[in-house]
PDB file of N, CA and C in Angstrom:
ATOM      1  N   MET A   1      -6.570 -11.497  -7.897  1.00  0.00           N
ATOM      2  CA  MET A   1      -5.956 -10.169  -7.655  1.00  0.00           C
ATOM      3  C   MET A   1      -4.559 -10.314  -7.262  1.00  0.00           C
ATOM      4  N   TYR A   2      -3.662  -9.521  -7.747  1.00  0.00           N
ATOM      5  CA  TYR A   2      -2.247  -9.440  -7.338  1.00  0.00           C
ATOM      6  C   TYR A   2      -2.304  -8.935  -5.820  1.00  0.00           C
ATOM      7  N   PRO A   3      -1.362  -9.383  -4.988  1.00  0.00           N
ATOM      8  CA  PRO A   3      -1.197  -8.708  -3.673  1.00  0.00           C
ATOM      9  C   PRO A   3      -0.827  -7.285  -3.938  1.00  0.00           C
ATOM     10  N   SER A   4      -1.254  -6.378  -3.103  1.00  0.00           N
ATOM     11  CA  SER A   4      -1.141  -4.913  -3.351  1.00  0.00           C
ATOM     12  C   SER A   4       0.324  -4.564  -3.439  1.00  0.00           C
ATOM     13  N   LYS A   5       1.272  -5.240  -2.732  1.00  0.00           N
ATOM     14  CA  LYS A   5       2.659  -4.862  -2.830  1.00  0.00           C
ATOM     15  C   LYS A   5       3.246  -5.177  -4.143  1.00  0.00           C
ATOM     16  N   THR A   6       2.650  -6.095  -4.880  1.00  0.00           N
ATOM     17  CA  THR A   6       3.262  -6.372  -6.182  1.00  0.00           C
ATOM     18  C   THR A   6       2.696  -5.499  -7.352  1.00  0.00           C
ATOM     19  N   THR A   7       1.872  -4.472  -7.008  1.00  0.00           N
ATOM     20  CA  THR A   7       1.333  -3.602  -8.018  1.00  0.00           C
ATOM     21  C   THR A   7       2.197  -2.375  -8.238  1.00  0.00           C
ATOM     22  N   TYR A   8       3.263  -2.210  -7.460  1.00  0.00           N
ATOM     23  CA  TYR A   8       4.117  -1.094  -7.575  1.00  0.00           C
ATOM     24  C   TYR A   8       5.575  -1.527  -7.747  1.00  0.00           C
ATOM     25  N   ASP A   9       6.353  -0.740  -8.431  1.00  0.00           N
ATOM     26  CA  ASP A   9       7.742  -0.982  -8.699  1.00  0.00           C
ATOM     27  C   ASP A   9       8.442  -0.633  -7.429  1.00  0.00           C
ATOM     28  N   LEU A  10       8.983  -1.694  -6.750  1.00  0.00           N
ATOM     29  CA  LEU A  10       9.605  -1.445  -5.395  1.00  0.00           C
ATOM     30  C   LEU A  10      11.092  -1.769  -5.478  1.00  0.00           C
ATOM     31  N   GLU A  11      11.670  -1.683  -6.651  1.00  0.00           N
ATOM     32  CA  GLU A  11      13.066  -2.070  -6.864  1.00  0.00           C
ATOM     33  C   GLU A  11      14.039  -1.330  -5.934  1.00  0.00           C
ATOM     34  N   ASN A  12      13.815  -0.035  -5.801  1.00  0.00           N
ATOM     35  CA  ASN A  12      14.700   0.791  -4.935  1.00  0.00           C
ATOM     36  C   ASN A  12      13.962   1.184  -3.594  1.00  0.00           C
ATOM     37  N   ALA A  13      13.103   0.333  -3.097  1.00  0.00           N
ATOM     38  CA  ALA A  13      12.269   0.673  -1.921  1.00  0.00           C
ATOM     39  C   ALA A  13      12.469  -0.290  -0.737  1.00  0.00           C
ATOM     40  N   ARG A  14      12.082   0.309   0.373  1.00  0.00           N
ATOM     41  CA  ARG A  14      12.062  -0.514   1.595  1.00  0.00           C
ATOM     42  C   ARG A  14      10.604  -0.435   2.058  1.00  0.00           C
ATOM     43  N   VAL A  15      10.056  -1.601   2.355  1.00  0.00           N
ATOM     44  CA  VAL A  15       8.656  -1.760   2.815  1.00  0.00           C
ATOM     45  C   VAL A  15       8.522  -2.092   4.279  1.00  0.00           C
ATOM     46  N   SER A  16       7.633  -1.448   4.876  1.00  0.00           N
ATOM     47  CA  SER A  16       7.478  -1.676   6.353  1.00  0.00           C
ATOM     48  C   SER A  16       6.666  -2.949   6.589  1.00  0.00           C
ATOM     49  N   PRO A  17       6.673  -3.526   7.866  1.00  0.00           N
ATOM     50  CA  PRO A  17       5.789  -4.589   8.166  1.00  0.00           C
ATOM     51  C   PRO A  17       4.359  -4.069   8.001  1.00  0.00           C
ATOM     52  N   THR A  18       3.461  -4.998   7.715  1.00  0.00           N
ATOM     53  CA  THR A  18       2.008  -4.709   7.508  1.00  0.00           C
ATOM     54  C   THR A  18       1.260  -4.536   8.864  1.00  0.00           C
ATOM     55  N   VAL A  19       0.464  -3.544   9.009  1.00  0.00           N
ATOM     56  CA  VAL A  19      -0.396  -3.323  10.172  1.00  0.00           C
ATOM     57  C   VAL A  19      -1.781  -3.644   9.811  1.00  0.00           C
ATOM     58  N   THR A  20      -2.506  -4.412  10.663  1.00  0.00           N
ATOM     59  CA  THR A  20      -3.893  -4.730  10.416  1.00  0.00           C
ATOM     60  C   THR A  20      -4.824  -3.662  11.047  1.00  0.00           C
ATOM     61  N   VAL A  21      -5.829  -3.220  10.206  1.00  0.00           N
ATOM     62  CA  VAL A  21      -6.769  -2.189  10.704  1.00  0.00           C
ATOM     63  C   VAL A  21      -8.149  -2.779  10.552  1.00  0.00           C
ATOM     64  N   GLU A  22      -8.916  -2.755  11.648  1.00  0.00           N
ATOM     65  CA  GLU A  22     -10.301  -3.227  11.694  1.00  0.00           C
ATOM     66  C   GLU A  22     -11.175  -2.092  11.204  1.00  0.00           C
ATOM     67  N   LEU A  23     -12.018  -2.337  10.169  1.00  0.00           N
ATOM     68  CA  LEU A  23     -12.929  -1.472   9.652  1.00  0.00           C
ATOM     69  C   LEU A  23     -14.324  -1.905   9.970  1.00  0.00           C
ATOM     70  N   PRO A  24     -15.362  -1.043   9.818  1.00  0.00           N
ATOM     71  CA  PRO A  24     -16.699  -1.472  10.007  1.00  0.00           C
ATOM     72  C   PRO A  24     -17.167  -2.682   9.176  1.00  0.00           C
ATOM     73  N   HIS A  25     -18.239  -3.410   9.657  1.00  0.00           N
ATOM     74  CA  HIS A  25     -18.802  -4.481   8.966  1.00  0.00           C
ATOM     75  C   HIS A  25     -17.857  -5.641   8.713  1.00  0.00           C
ATOM     76  N   GLY A  26     -16.945  -5.848   9.567  1.00  0.00           N
ATOM     77  CA  GLY A  26     -16.057  -6.945   9.531  1.00  0.00           C
ATOM     78  C   GLY A  26     -15.014  -6.926   8.473  1.00  0.00           C
ATOM     79  N   ILE A  27     -14.786  -5.746   7.887  1.00  0.00           N
ATOM     80  CA  ILE A  27     -13.767  -5.643   6.869  1.00  0.00           C
ATOM     81  C   ILE A  27     -12.393  -5.389   7.523  1.00  0.00           C
ATOM     82  N   VAL A  28     -11.353  -6.083   7.084  1.00  0.00           N
ATOM     83  CA  VAL A  28     -10.091  -5.965   7.674  1.00  0.00           C
ATOM     84  C   VAL A  28      -9.204  -5.270   6.543  1.00  0.00           C
ATOM     85  N   ALA A  29      -8.491  -4.224   6.945  1.00  0.00           N
ATOM     86  CA  ALA A  29      -7.567  -3.560   5.978  1.00  0.00           C
ATOM     87  C   ALA A  29      -6.145  -3.828   6.465  1.00  0.00           C
ATOM     88  N   GLU A  30      -5.192  -3.633   5.496  1.00  0.00           N
ATOM     89  CA  GLU A  30      -3.805  -3.750   5.810  1.00  0.00           C
ATOM     90  C   GLU A  30      -3.177  -2.420   5.405  1.00  0.00           C
ATOM     91  N   MET A  31      -2.203  -1.968   6.217  1.00  0.00           N
ATOM     92  CA  MET A  31      -1.480  -0.746   5.940  1.00  0.00           C
ATOM     93  C   MET A  31       0.017  -1.030   6.043  1.00  0.00           C
ATOM     94  N   TYR A  32       0.750  -0.449   5.068  1.00  0.00           N
ATOM     95  CA  TYR A  32       2.181  -0.549   5.137  1.00  0.00           C
ATOM     96  C   TYR A  32       2.710   0.834   4.546  1.00  0.00           C
ATOM     97  N   THR A  33       4.020   1.095   4.823  1.00  0.00           N
ATOM     98  CA  THR A  33       4.623   2.256   4.254  1.00  0.00           C
ATOM     99  C   THR A  33       5.729   1.778   3.354  1.00  0.00           C
ATOM    100  N   ILE A  34       6.080   2.662   2.384  1.00  0.00           N
ATOM    101  CA  ILE A  34       7.156   2.424   1.447  1.00  0.00           C
ATOM    102  C   ILE A  34       7.975   3.554   1.433  1.00  0.00           C
ATOM    103  N   VAL A  35       9.319   3.321   1.577  1.00  0.00           N
ATOM    104  CA  VAL A  35      10.351   4.406   1.460  1.00  0.00           C
ATOM    105  C   VAL A  35      11.145   4.061   0.144  1.00  0.00           C
ATOM    106  N   ASP A  36      11.041   4.987  -0.783  1.00  0.00           N
ATOM    107  CA  ASP A  36      11.724   4.891  -2.050  1.00  0.00           C
ATOM    108  C   ASP A  36      13.043   5.598  -1.924  1.00  0.00           C
ATOM    109  N   ASP A  37      14.172   4.897  -1.845  1.00  0.00           N
ATOM    110  CA  ASP A  37      15.435   5.497  -1.681  1.00  0.00           C
ATOM    111  C   ASP A  37      15.896   6.333  -2.907  1.00  0.00           C
ATOM    112  N   ALA A  38      15.465   5.865  -4.111  1.00  0.00           N
ATOM    113  CA  ALA A  38      15.813   6.479  -5.301  1.00  0.00           C
ATOM    114  C   ALA A  38      15.163   7.889  -5.539  1.00  0.00           C
ATOM    115  N   LEU A  39      13.839   7.913  -5.090  1.00  0.00           N
ATOM    116  CA  LEU A  39      13.061   9.133  -5.210  1.00  0.00           C
ATOM    117  C   LEU A  39      13.058  10.045  -3.902  1.00  0.00           C
ATOM    118  N   LEU A  40      13.656   9.450  -2.876  1.00  0.00           N
ATOM    119  CA  LEU A  40      13.640  10.147  -1.563  1.00  0.00           C
ATOM    120  C   LEU A  40      12.193  10.531  -1.186  1.00  0.00           C
ATOM    121  N   LEU A  41      11.339   9.423  -1.276  1.00  0.00           N
ATOM    122  CA  LEU A  41       9.902   9.695  -1.067  1.00  0.00           C
ATOM    123  C   LEU A  41       9.382   8.525  -0.238  1.00  0.00           C
ATOM    124  N   THR A  42       8.437   8.926   0.664  1.00  0.00           N
ATOM    125  CA  THR A  42       7.723   7.893   1.454  1.00  0.00           C
ATOM    126  C   THR A  42       6.219   7.965   1.179  1.00  0.00           C
ATOM    127  N   TRP A  43       5.610   6.871   1.114  1.00  0.00           N
ATOM    128  CA  TRP A  43       4.174   6.826   0.923  1.00  0.00           C
ATOM    129  C   TRP A  43       3.532   5.770   1.752  1.00  0.00           C
ATOM    130  N   SER A  44       2.298   5.923   2.141  1.00  0.00           N
ATOM    131  CA  SER A  44       1.535   5.013   2.937  1.00  0.00           C
ATOM    132  C   SER A  44       0.462   4.443   2.072  1.00  0.00           C
ATOM    133  N   ASN A  45       0.193   3.091   2.291  1.00  0.00           N
ATOM    134  CA  ASN A  45      -0.817   2.438   1.536  1.00  0.00           C
ATOM    135  C   ASN A  45      -1.691   1.701   2.436  1.00  0.00           C
ATOM    136  N   LEU A  46      -2.967   2.048   2.487  1.00  0.00           N
ATOM    137  CA  LEU A  46      -3.996   1.227   3.270  1.00  0.00           C
ATOM    138  C   LEU A  46      -4.929   0.599   2.228  1.00  0.00           C
ATOM    139  N   ASN A  47      -5.079  -0.716   2.297  1.00  0.00           N
ATOM    140  CA  ASN A  47      -5.947  -1.325   1.293  1.00  0.00           C
ATOM    141  C   ASN A  47      -6.781  -2.425   1.931  1.00  0.00           C
ATOM    142  N   PHE A  48      -7.922  -2.624   1.271  1.00  0.00           N
ATOM    143  CA  PHE A  48      -8.833  -3.656   1.730  1.00  0.00           C
ATOM    144  C   PHE A  48      -9.580  -4.161   0.507  1.00  0.00           C
ATOM    145  N   VAL A  49     -10.159  -5.365   0.683  1.00  0.00           N
ATOM    146  CA  VAL A  49     -11.041  -5.989  -0.326  1.00  0.00           C
ATOM    147  C   VAL A  49     -12.356  -6.183   0.290  1.00  0.00           C
ATOM    148  N   TRP A  50     -13.379  -5.902  -0.469  1.00  0.00           N
ATOM    149  CA  TRP A  50     -14.713  -6.273  -0.087  1.00  0.00           C
ATOM    150  C   TRP A  50     -15.450  -6.957  -1.189  1.00  0.00           C
ATOM    151  N   THR A  51     -16.361  -7.756  -0.709  1.00  0.00           N
ATOM    152  CA  THR A  51     -17.192  -8.550  -1.621  1.00  0.00           C
ATOM    153  C   THR A  51     -18.620  -8.079  -1.659  1.00  0.00           C
ATOM    154  N   ARG A  52     -19.146  -7.809  -2.858  1.00  0.00           N
ATOM    155  CA  ARG A  52     -20.510  -7.346  -2.891  1.00  0.00           C
ATOM    156  C   ARG A  52     -21.449  -8.618  -2.795  1.00  0.00           C
ATOM    157  N   GLY A  53     -22.713  -8.355  -2.692  1.00  0.00           N
ATOM    158  CA  GLY A  53     -23.713  -9.458  -2.554  1.00  0.00           C
ATOM    159  C   GLY A  53     -23.686 -10.429  -3.728  1.00  0.00           C
ATOM    160  N   ASP A  54     -23.270  -9.909  -4.907  1.00  0.00           N
ATOM    161  CA  ASP A  54     -23.246 -10.730  -6.138  1.00  0.00           C
ATOM    162  C   ASP A  54     -21.995 -11.560  -6.218  1.00  0.00           C
ATOM    163  N   GLY A  55     -21.101 -11.410  -5.236  1.00  0.00           N
ATOM    164  CA  GLY A  55     -19.852 -12.208  -5.220  1.00  0.00           C
ATOM    165  C   GLY A  55     -18.666 -11.509  -5.903  1.00  0.00           C
ATOM    166  N   ALA A  56     -18.932 -10.312  -6.451  1.00  0.00           N
ATOM    167  CA  ALA A  56     -17.805  -9.615  -7.116  1.00  0.00           C
ATOM    168  C   ALA A  56     -16.892  -8.925  -6.045  1.00  0.00           C
ATOM    169  N   ALA A  57     -15.554  -9.072  -6.178  1.00  0.00           N
ATOM    170  CA  ALA A  57     -14.703  -8.480  -5.274  1.00  0.00           C
ATOM    171  C   ALA A  57     -14.120  -7.194  -5.837  1.00  0.00           C
ATOM    172  N   GLN A  58     -13.769  -6.302  -4.923  1.00  0.00           N
ATOM    173  CA  GLN A  58     -13.205  -5.042  -5.281  1.00  0.00           C
ATOM    174  C   GLN A  58     -12.117  -4.670  -4.286  1.00  0.00           C
ATOM    175  N   ARG A  59     -10.845  -4.289  -4.727  1.00  0.00           N
ATOM    176  CA  ARG A  59      -9.834  -3.812  -3.910  1.00  0.00           C
ATOM    177  C   ARG A  59      -9.892  -2.284  -3.814  1.00  0.00           C
ATOM    178  N   VAL A  60      -9.766  -1.764  -2.627  1.00  0.00           N
ATOM    179  CA  VAL A  60      -9.701  -0.283  -2.483  1.00  0.00           C
ATOM    180  C   VAL A  60      -8.274   0.001  -1.887  1.00  0.00           C
ATOM    181  N   SER A  61      -7.587   0.847  -2.553  1.00  0.00           N
ATOM    182  CA  SER A  61      -6.219   1.277  -1.994  1.00  0.00           C
ATOM    183  C   SER A  61      -6.258   2.776  -1.779  1.00  0.00           C
ATOM    184  N   LEU A  62      -5.918   3.175  -0.579  1.00  0.00           N
ATOM    185  CA  LEU A  62      -5.819   4.540  -0.221  1.00  0.00           C
ATOM    186  C   LEU A  62      -4.333   4.844  -0.044  1.00  0.00           C
ATOM    187  N   ILE A  63      -3.829   5.856  -0.717  1.00  0.00           N
ATOM    188  CA  ILE A  63      -2.385   6.125  -0.701  1.00  0.00           C
ATOM    189  C   ILE A  63      -2.175   7.581  -0.330  1.00  0.00           C
ATOM    190  N   SER A  64      -1.266   7.838   0.540  1.00  0.00           N
ATOM    191  CA  SER A  64      -0.827   9.167   0.950  1.00  0.00           C
ATOM    192  C   SER A  64       0.657   9.274   0.614  1.00  0.00           C
ATOM    193  N   VAL A  65       1.119  10.393   0.163  1.00  0.00           N
ATOM    194  CA  VAL A  65       2.512  10.704  -0.149  1.00  0.00           C
ATOM    195  C   VAL A  65       3.033  11.795   0.814  1.00  0.00           C
ATOM    196  N   ASP A  66       4.259  11.653   1.329  1.00  0.00           N
ATOM    197  CA  ASP A  66       4.813  12.649   2.242  1.00  0.00           C
ATOM    198  C   ASP A  66       5.219  13.922   1.543  1.00  0.00           C
ATOM    199  N   ASN A  67       5.303  14.066   0.216  1.00  0.00           N
ATOM    200  CA  ASN A  67       5.571  15.275  -0.441  1.00  0.00           C
ATOM    201  C   ASN A  67       4.272  15.915  -0.891  1.00  0.00           C
ATOM    202  N   HIS A  68       3.885  17.056  -0.354  1.00  0.00           N
ATOM    203  CA  HIS A  68       2.557  17.636  -0.619  1.00  0.00           C
ATOM    204  C   HIS A  68       2.530  18.732  -1.641  1.00  0.00           C
ATOM    205  N   ASP A  69       3.737  18.839  -2.402  1.00  0.00           N
ATOM    206  CA  ASP A  69       3.793  19.893  -3.461  1.00  0.00           C
ATOM    207  C   ASP A  69       2.871  19.422  -4.582  1.00  0.00           C
ATOM    208  N   PRO A  70       2.283  20.367  -5.310  1.00  0.00           N
ATOM    209  CA  PRO A  70       1.330  20.088  -6.362  1.00  0.00           C
ATOM    210  C   PRO A  70       1.926  19.175  -7.487  1.00  0.00           C
ATOM    211  N   ASP A  71       3.174  19.321  -7.730  1.00  0.00           N
ATOM    212  CA  ASP A  71       3.886  18.495  -8.809  1.00  0.00           C
ATOM    213  C   ASP A  71       4.602  17.315  -8.252  1.00  0.00           C
ATOM    214  N   ALA A  72       4.313  16.919  -7.048  1.00  0.00           N
ATOM    215  CA  ALA A  72       5.042  15.798  -6.416  1.00  0.00           C
ATOM    216  C   ALA A  72       4.743  14.458  -7.175  1.00  0.00           C
ATOM    217  N   TYR A  73       5.713  13.614  -7.154  1.00  0.00           N
ATOM    218  CA  TYR A  73       5.605  12.329  -7.760  1.00  0.00           C
ATOM    219  C   TYR A  73       4.590  11.509  -6.966  1.00  0.00           C
ATOM    220  N   PHE A  74       3.694  10.804  -7.621  1.00  0.00           N
ATOM    221  CA  PHE A  74       2.679   9.999  -6.980  1.00  0.00           C
ATOM    222  C   PHE A  74       2.810   8.572  -7.569  1.00  0.00           C
ATOM    223  N   PRO A  75       2.981   7.500  -6.818  1.00  0.00           N
ATOM    224  CA  PRO A  75       3.238   6.246  -7.325  1.00  0.00           C
ATOM    225  C   PRO A  75       2.029   5.740  -8.182  1.00  0.00           C
ATOM    226  N   GLU A  76       2.338   5.173  -9.298  1.00  0.00           N
ATOM    227  CA  GLU A  76       1.360   4.629 -10.273  1.00  0.00           C
ATOM    228  C   GLU A  76       1.363   3.093 -10.167  1.00  0.00           C
ATOM    229  N   PRO A  77       0.283   2.408  -9.999  1.00  0.00           N
ATOM    230  CA  PRO A  77       0.262   1.007 -10.021  1.00  0.00           C
ATOM    231  C   PRO A  77       0.608   0.420 -11.390  1.00  0.00           C
ATOM    232  N   LYS A  78       1.515  -0.548 -11.364  1.00  0.00           N
ATOM    233  CA  LYS A  78       1.930  -1.206 -12.582  1.00  0.00           C
ATOM    234  C   LYS A  78       1.982  -2.721 -12.438  1.00  0.00           C
ATOM    235  N   PRO A  79       0.829  -3.297 -12.268  1.00  0.00           N
ATOM    236  CA  PRO A  79       0.855  -4.780 -12.091  1.00  0.00           C
ATOM    237  C   PRO A  79       1.219  -5.474 -13.374  1.00  0.00           C
ATOM    238  N   SER A  80       2.356  -6.140 -13.270  1.00  0.00           N
ATOM    239  CA  SER A  80       2.751  -6.901 -14.473  1.00  0.00           C
ATOM    240  C   SER A  80       3.768  -7.979 -13.995  1.00  0.00           C
ATOM    241  N   MET A  81       4.023  -8.929 -14.819  1.00  0.00           N
ATOM    242  CA  MET A  81       5.030  -9.931 -14.475  1.00  0.00           C
ATOM    243  C   MET A  81       6.426  -9.369 -14.446  1.00  0.00           C
ATOM    244  N   ALA A  82       6.699  -8.324 -15.213  1.00  0.00           N
ATOM    245  CA  ALA A  82       8.043  -7.647 -15.179  1.00  0.00           C
ATOM    246  C   ALA A  82       8.314  -6.995 -13.851  1.00  0.00           C
ATOM    247  N   SER A  83       7.262  -6.258 -13.335  1.00  0.00           N
ATOM    248  CA  SER A  83       7.425  -5.607 -11.998  1.00  0.00           C
ATOM    249  C   SER A  83       7.638  -6.654 -10.951  1.00  0.00           C
ATOM    250  N   ASN A  84       6.865  -7.790 -10.998  1.00  0.00           N
ATOM    251  CA  ASN A  84       7.036  -8.836  -9.990  1.00  0.00           C
ATOM    252  C   ASN A  84       8.456  -9.453 -10.092  1.00  0.00           C
ATOM    253  N   GLY A  85       8.901  -9.626 -11.316  1.00  0.00           N
ATOM    254  CA  GLY A  85      10.253 -10.150 -11.488  1.00  0.00           C
ATOM    255  C   GLY A  85      11.287  -9.190 -10.951  1.00  0.00           C
ATOM    256  N   SER A  86      11.147  -7.903 -11.228  1.00  0.00           N
ATOM    257  CA  SER A  86      12.206  -6.938 -10.797  1.00  0.00           C
ATOM    258  C   SER A  86      12.143  -6.823  -9.222  1.00  0.00           C
ATOM    259  N   ASN A  87      10.984  -6.899  -8.657  1.00  0.00           N
ATOM    260  CA  ASN A  87      10.890  -6.946  -7.155  1.00  0.00           C
ATOM    261  C   ASN A  87      11.559  -8.174  -6.558  1.00  0.00           C
ATOM    262  N   THR A  88      11.359  -9.296  -7.183  1.00  0.00           N
ATOM    263  CA  THR A  88      12.021 -10.543  -6.719  1.00  0.00           C
ATOM    264  C   THR A  88      13.519 -10.466  -6.891  1.00  0.00           C
ATOM    265  N   LEU A  89      13.924  -9.990  -8.009  1.00  0.00           N
ATOM    266  CA  LEU A  89      15.374  -9.833  -8.264  1.00  0.00           C
ATOM    267  C   LEU A  89      15.968  -8.908  -7.270  1.00  0.00           C
ATOM    268  N   ALA A  90      15.327  -7.839  -6.930  1.00  0.00           N
ATOM    269  CA  ALA A  90      15.902  -6.821  -5.927  1.00  0.00           C
ATOM    270  C   ALA A  90      15.999  -7.533  -4.575  1.00  0.00           C
ATOM    271  N   VAL A  91      15.201  -8.390  -4.225  1.00  0.00           N
ATOM    272  CA  VAL A  91      15.290  -9.126  -2.952  1.00  0.00           C
ATOM    273  C   VAL A  91      16.495 -10.120  -3.055  1.00  0.00           C
ATOM    274  N   LEU A  92      16.707 -10.760  -4.219  1.00  0.00           N
ATOM    275  CA  LEU A  92      17.733 -11.709  -4.395  1.00  0.00           C
ATOM    276  C   LEU A  92      19.126 -10.912  -4.345  1.00  0.00           C
ATOM    277  N   LEU A  93      19.140  -9.769  -5.042  1.00  0.00           N
ATOM    278  CA  LEU A  93      20.448  -9.099  -5.138  1.00  0.00           C
ATOM    279  C   LEU A  93      20.807  -8.240  -3.862  1.00  0.00           C
ATOM    280  N   ARG A  94      19.772  -7.606  -3.264  1.00  0.00           N
ATOM    281  CA  ARG A  94      19.974  -6.791  -2.105  1.00  0.00           C
ATOM    282  C   ARG A  94      19.763  -7.454  -0.849  1.00  0.00           C
ATOM    283  N   GLY A  95      19.064  -8.607  -0.876  1.00  0.00           N
ATOM    284  CA  GLY A  95      18.750  -9.300   0.374  1.00  0.00           C
ATOM    285  C   GLY A  95      17.475  -8.751   1.002  1.00  0.00           C
ATOM    286  N   GLU A  96      16.716  -9.636   1.717  1.00  0.00           N
ATOM    287  CA  GLU A  96      15.429  -9.195   2.201  1.00  0.00           C
ATOM    288  C   GLU A  96      15.544  -8.100   3.238  1.00  0.00           C
ATOM    289  N   THR A  97      16.597  -8.079   4.066  1.00  0.00           N
ATOM    290  CA  THR A  97      16.718  -7.061   5.092  1.00  0.00           C
ATOM    291  C   THR A  97      16.931  -5.683   4.430  1.00  0.00           C
ATOM    292  N   SER A  98      17.446  -5.636   3.221  1.00  0.00           N
ATOM    293  CA  SER A  98      17.648  -4.271   2.598  1.00  0.00           C
ATOM    294  C   SER A  98      16.424  -3.851   1.980  1.00  0.00           C
ATOM    295  N   THR A  99      15.373  -4.691   1.828  1.00  0.00           N
ATOM    296  CA  THR A  99      14.138  -4.192   1.326  1.00  0.00           C
ATOM    297  C   THR A  99      13.050  -4.055   2.340  1.00  0.00           C
ATOM    298  N   GLU A 100      13.402  -4.191   3.628  1.00  0.00           N
ATOM    299  CA  GLU A 100      12.508  -3.893   4.700  1.00  0.00           C
ATOM    300  C   GLU A 100      12.842  -2.647   5.421  1.00  0.00           C
ATOM    301  N   ASP A 101      11.765  -1.905   5.813  1.00  0.00           N
ATOM    302  CA  ASP A 101      11.857  -0.640   6.575  1.00  0.00           C
ATOM    303  C   ASP A 101      11.674  -1.051   8.008  1.00  0.00           C
ATOM    304  N   THR A 102      12.811  -1.194   8.769  1.00  0.00           N
ATOM    305  CA  THR A 102      12.698  -1.621  10.107  1.00  0.00           C
ATOM    306  C   THR A 102      12.460  -0.485  11.088  1.00  0.00           C
ATOM    307  N   GLU A 103      12.436   0.713  10.696  1.00  0.00           N
ATOM    308  CA  GLU A 103      12.172   1.895  11.482  1.00  0.00           C
ATOM    309  C   GLU A 103      10.933   2.633  11.008  1.00  0.00           C
ATOM    310  N   SER A 104       9.896   1.903  10.802  1.00  0.00           N
ATOM    311  CA  SER A 104       8.685   2.375  10.117  1.00  0.00           C
ATOM    312  C   SER A 104       7.911   3.403  10.979  1.00  0.00           C
ATOM    313  N   GLU A 105       7.415   4.444  10.308  1.00  0.00           N
ATOM    314  CA  GLU A 105       6.528   5.388  10.905  1.00  0.00           C
ATOM    315  C   GLU A 105       5.244   5.352  10.143  1.00  0.00           C
ATOM    316  N   TYR A 106       4.185   5.105  10.787  1.00  0.00           N
ATOM    317  CA  TYR A 106       2.888   5.074  10.158  1.00  0.00           C
ATOM    318  C   TYR A 106       2.147   6.354  10.396  1.00  0.00           C
ATOM    319  N   LYS A 107       2.750   7.461   9.871  1.00  0.00           N
ATOM    320  CA  LYS A 107       2.293   8.779  10.147  1.00  0.00           C
ATOM    321  C   LYS A 107       0.870   9.030   9.718  1.00  0.00           C
ATOM    322  N   ASP A 108       0.433   8.445   8.591  1.00  0.00           N
ATOM    323  CA  ASP A 108      -0.870   8.800   8.064  1.00  0.00           C
ATOM    324  C   ASP A 108      -1.907   7.722   8.427  1.00  0.00           C
ATOM    325  N   LEU A 109      -1.587   6.809   9.408  1.00  0.00           N
ATOM    326  CA  LEU A 109      -2.552   5.763   9.709  1.00  0.00           C
ATOM    327  C   LEU A 109      -3.887   6.255  10.135  1.00  0.00           C
ATOM    328  N   ASP A 110      -3.908   7.202  10.986  1.00  0.00           N
ATOM    329  CA  ASP A 110      -5.209   7.762  11.520  1.00  0.00           C
ATOM    330  C   ASP A 110      -6.009   8.356  10.369  1.00  0.00           C
ATOM    331  N   MET A 111      -5.428   9.112   9.548  1.00  0.00           N
ATOM    332  CA  MET A 111      -6.163   9.769   8.446  1.00  0.00           C
ATOM    333  C   MET A 111      -6.634   8.736   7.429  1.00  0.00           C
ATOM    334  N   LEU A 112      -5.767   7.777   7.013  1.00  0.00           N
ATOM    335  CA  LEU A 112      -6.237   6.763   6.092  1.00  0.00           C
ATOM    336  C   LEU A 112      -7.361   5.907   6.647  1.00  0.00           C
ATOM    337  N   GLU A 113      -7.172   5.517   7.954  1.00  0.00           N
ATOM    338  CA  GLU A 113      -8.189   4.683   8.625  1.00  0.00           C
ATOM    339  C   GLU A 113      -9.544   5.325   8.596  1.00  0.00           C
ATOM    340  N   ALA A 114      -9.510   6.707   8.942  1.00  0.00           N
ATOM    341  CA  ALA A 114     -10.771   7.461   8.995  1.00  0.00           C
ATOM    342  C   ALA A 114     -11.468   7.557   7.653  1.00  0.00           C
ATOM    343  N   LEU A 115     -10.628   7.761   6.613  1.00  0.00           N
ATOM    344  CA  LEU A 115     -11.187   7.755   5.248  1.00  0.00           C
ATOM    345  C   LEU A 115     -11.765   6.449   4.877  1.00  0.00           C
ATOM    346  N   ALA A 116     -11.016   5.357   5.184  1.00  0.00           N
ATOM    347  CA  ALA A 116     -11.508   3.980   4.911  1.00  0.00           C
ATOM    348  C   ALA A 116     -12.793   3.675   5.551  1.00  0.00           C
ATOM    349  N   ARG A 117     -12.983   4.116   6.807  1.00  0.00           N
ATOM    350  CA  ARG A 117     -14.191   3.950   7.551  1.00  0.00           C
ATOM    351  C   ARG A 117     -15.459   4.675   6.876  1.00  0.00           C
ATOM    352  N   LEU A 118     -15.124   5.868   6.414  1.00  0.00           N
ATOM    353  CA  LEU A 118     -16.166   6.664   5.788  1.00  0.00           C
ATOM    354  C   LEU A 118     -16.565   6.000   4.407  1.00  0.00           C
ATOM    355  N   LEU A 119     -15.610   5.472   3.680  1.00  0.00           N
ATOM    356  CA  LEU A 119     -15.833   4.805   2.486  1.00  0.00           C
ATOM    357  C   LEU A 119     -16.781   3.522   2.734  1.00  0.00           C
ATOM    358  N   VAL A 120     -16.339   2.782   3.674  1.00  0.00           N
ATOM    359  CA  VAL A 120     -17.148   1.600   3.966  1.00  0.00           C
ATOM    360  C   VAL A 120     -18.539   1.876   4.381  1.00  0.00           C
ATOM    361  N   GLU A 121     -18.694   2.878   5.285  1.00  0.00           N
ATOM    362  CA  GLU A 121     -20.078   3.247   5.679  1.00  0.00           C
ATOM    363  C   GLU A 121     -20.868   3.769   4.526  1.00  0.00           C
ATOM    364  N   ALA A 122     -20.233   4.594   3.662  1.00  0.00           N
ATOM    365  CA  ALA A 122     -20.965   5.120   2.475  1.00  0.00           C
ATOM    366  C   ALA A 122     -21.450   4.014   1.536  1.00  0.00           C
ATOM    367  N   GLN A 123     -20.722   2.961   1.460  1.00  0.00           N
ATOM    368  CA  GLN A 123     -21.054   1.891   0.531  1.00  0.00           C
ATOM    369  C   GLN A 123     -21.928   0.882   1.050  1.00  0.00           C
ATOM    370  N   THR A 124     -22.036   0.786   2.377  1.00  0.00           N
ATOM    371  CA  THR A 124     -22.877  -0.299   2.975  1.00  0.00           C
ATOM    372  C   THR A 124     -24.153   0.195   3.691  1.00  0.00           C
ATOM    373  N   TRP A 125     -24.569   1.457   3.470  1.00  0.00           N
ATOM    374  CA  TRP A 125     -25.734   1.890   4.143  1.00  0.00           C
ATOM    375  C   TRP A 125     -26.859   1.164   3.605  1.00  0.00           C
TER     376      TRP A 125
END
C-alpha cells in the first residue's frame, strides 16, 4: 500500500504533523490536515489499516473538507508514480518547511475519530 499522503496531489499544499488516534480493538489511526494554497481549501484525513482473519489488509480513509457547499471540491486519490514524483519535486523546489503546516488545527478530529470508532465496532462485532 502507498502511504496515505502519497495518494493525493500535494504539489501546492502544506501538510500538518500526524496525530495518532487510538481506536477500539488495538487499531491505531493517523490523522493529518492538508492546506491547499492553490484551492484555498483545507481538509482532514484520518486513516487506518486493519487486517482481517484471512490476512487481507484494508485501508480506511475518512476525509472531511472545510467547504460545506454542495458543489465544493473534494480531493480525489490519485496514487501514481507521477504524483509521488511531483510531491517530491515540490519538496525539493519549495523546501520541506514550505510544505509543512506549522499552525495546524485539527478541527474535525473528534468527528472523524467518532466515525472511525463506529466503523471499527460495526466491522468487528
